[in-house]
Protein backbone atom coordinates (compact mmCIF):
# COMPACT_ATOMS: atom_id res chain seq x y z
CA MET A 1 -28.86 36.67 -9.57
CA ASN A 2 -32.02 35.19 -10.96
CA LYS A 3 -34.23 34.34 -8.13
CA GLN A 4 -37.38 32.81 -10.36
CA SER A 5 -39.36 30.35 -8.31
CA HIS A 6 -38.71 26.69 -9.91
CA ASN A 7 -42.64 26.91 -10.55
CA SER A 8 -42.85 30.20 -12.17
CA PRO A 9 -43.95 30.56 -15.79
CA GLU A 10 -40.81 31.26 -16.41
CA ALA A 11 -39.15 29.04 -15.13
CA ARG A 12 -41.71 26.19 -16.55
CA GLY A 13 -41.15 25.28 -20.36
CA SER A 14 -44.00 25.33 -23.10
CA ASP A 15 -44.33 21.61 -22.75
CA ASP A 16 -45.20 21.71 -19.13
CA VAL A 17 -48.80 21.08 -17.61
CA GLU A 18 -50.46 21.44 -14.21
CA VAL A 19 -53.61 19.95 -12.99
CA VAL A 20 -55.23 21.49 -10.20
CA ALA A 21 -57.91 19.84 -8.45
CA CYS A 22 -60.68 22.38 -7.22
CA ALA A 23 -62.03 21.55 -3.91
CA ASP A 24 -65.58 20.08 -4.84
CA GLY A 25 -65.04 21.55 -8.66
CA PRO A 26 -63.64 20.90 -11.58
CA LEU A 27 -59.85 19.97 -12.59
CA LEU A 28 -58.21 22.59 -13.82
CA VAL A 29 -55.66 21.87 -16.80
CA ARG A 30 -52.94 24.49 -17.21
CA GLY A 31 -50.86 23.82 -20.82
CA THR A 32 -51.19 21.94 -24.17
CA ILE A 33 -53.12 18.64 -23.49
CA ASN A 34 -54.13 15.73 -26.03
CA LEU A 35 -57.88 15.80 -25.27
CA ARG A 36 -59.42 12.57 -26.66
CA SER A 37 -63.51 11.23 -26.66
CA SER A 38 -64.51 7.78 -25.40
CA ASP A 39 -64.54 7.13 -29.34
CA GLY A 40 -60.56 8.39 -29.69
CA GLU A 41 -61.56 11.50 -31.40
CA PRO A 42 -59.77 14.52 -31.06
CA ILE A 43 -61.55 17.41 -29.09
CA PRO A 44 -59.69 20.40 -29.89
CA GLN A 45 -58.56 22.49 -27.10
CA SER A 46 -59.10 26.45 -27.79
CA ARG A 47 -57.87 27.75 -24.40
CA ARG A 48 -54.72 27.18 -22.47
CA THR A 49 -56.39 26.59 -19.19
CA VAL A 50 -59.15 24.08 -19.13
CA ALA A 51 -61.68 23.10 -16.63
CA LEU A 52 -62.71 19.66 -16.91
CA CYS A 53 -65.81 17.98 -15.24
CA ARG A 54 -65.62 15.75 -12.24
CA CYS A 55 -68.54 15.48 -11.22
CA GLY A 56 -70.04 13.80 -14.42
CA VAL A 57 -73.26 16.23 -14.69
CA SER A 58 -71.94 18.48 -16.86
CA ASP A 59 -74.15 19.35 -20.20
CA ILE A 60 -70.80 20.27 -22.23
CA LYS A 61 -68.14 16.80 -20.86
CA PRO A 62 -65.38 16.53 -20.79
CA PHE A 63 -65.61 20.42 -20.07
CA CYS A 64 -66.79 21.54 -16.29
CA ASP A 65 -70.18 23.97 -17.04
CA GLY A 66 -70.62 24.36 -13.10
CA THR A 67 -73.40 22.26 -12.55
CA HIS A 68 -71.54 20.58 -9.98
CA LYS A 69 -72.65 23.34 -7.94
CA LEU A 70 -76.12 22.75 -8.31
CA VAL A 71 -75.83 18.91 -7.40
CA ASN A 72 -73.70 20.25 -4.32
CA PHE A 73 -70.86 17.88 -5.67
CA LYS A 74 -68.41 16.65 -2.99
CA ALA A 75 -64.82 15.68 -3.91
């Protein structure tokens, strides 16, 4: 009998997306998503997991560059 966890990578489909809010940091998004700029232009996703900025001070928005640590961002 196979005892896979429902949330294990094997049990999840390839279309599943997981979002994890890091404490006082970015949103980690695992899976394929359609990112768009404020103009509606597609933003290519080159990795399966991306870190999205929540602090608003990243120089590479919408992605996190770690600046939240310098500005003592709290969520």
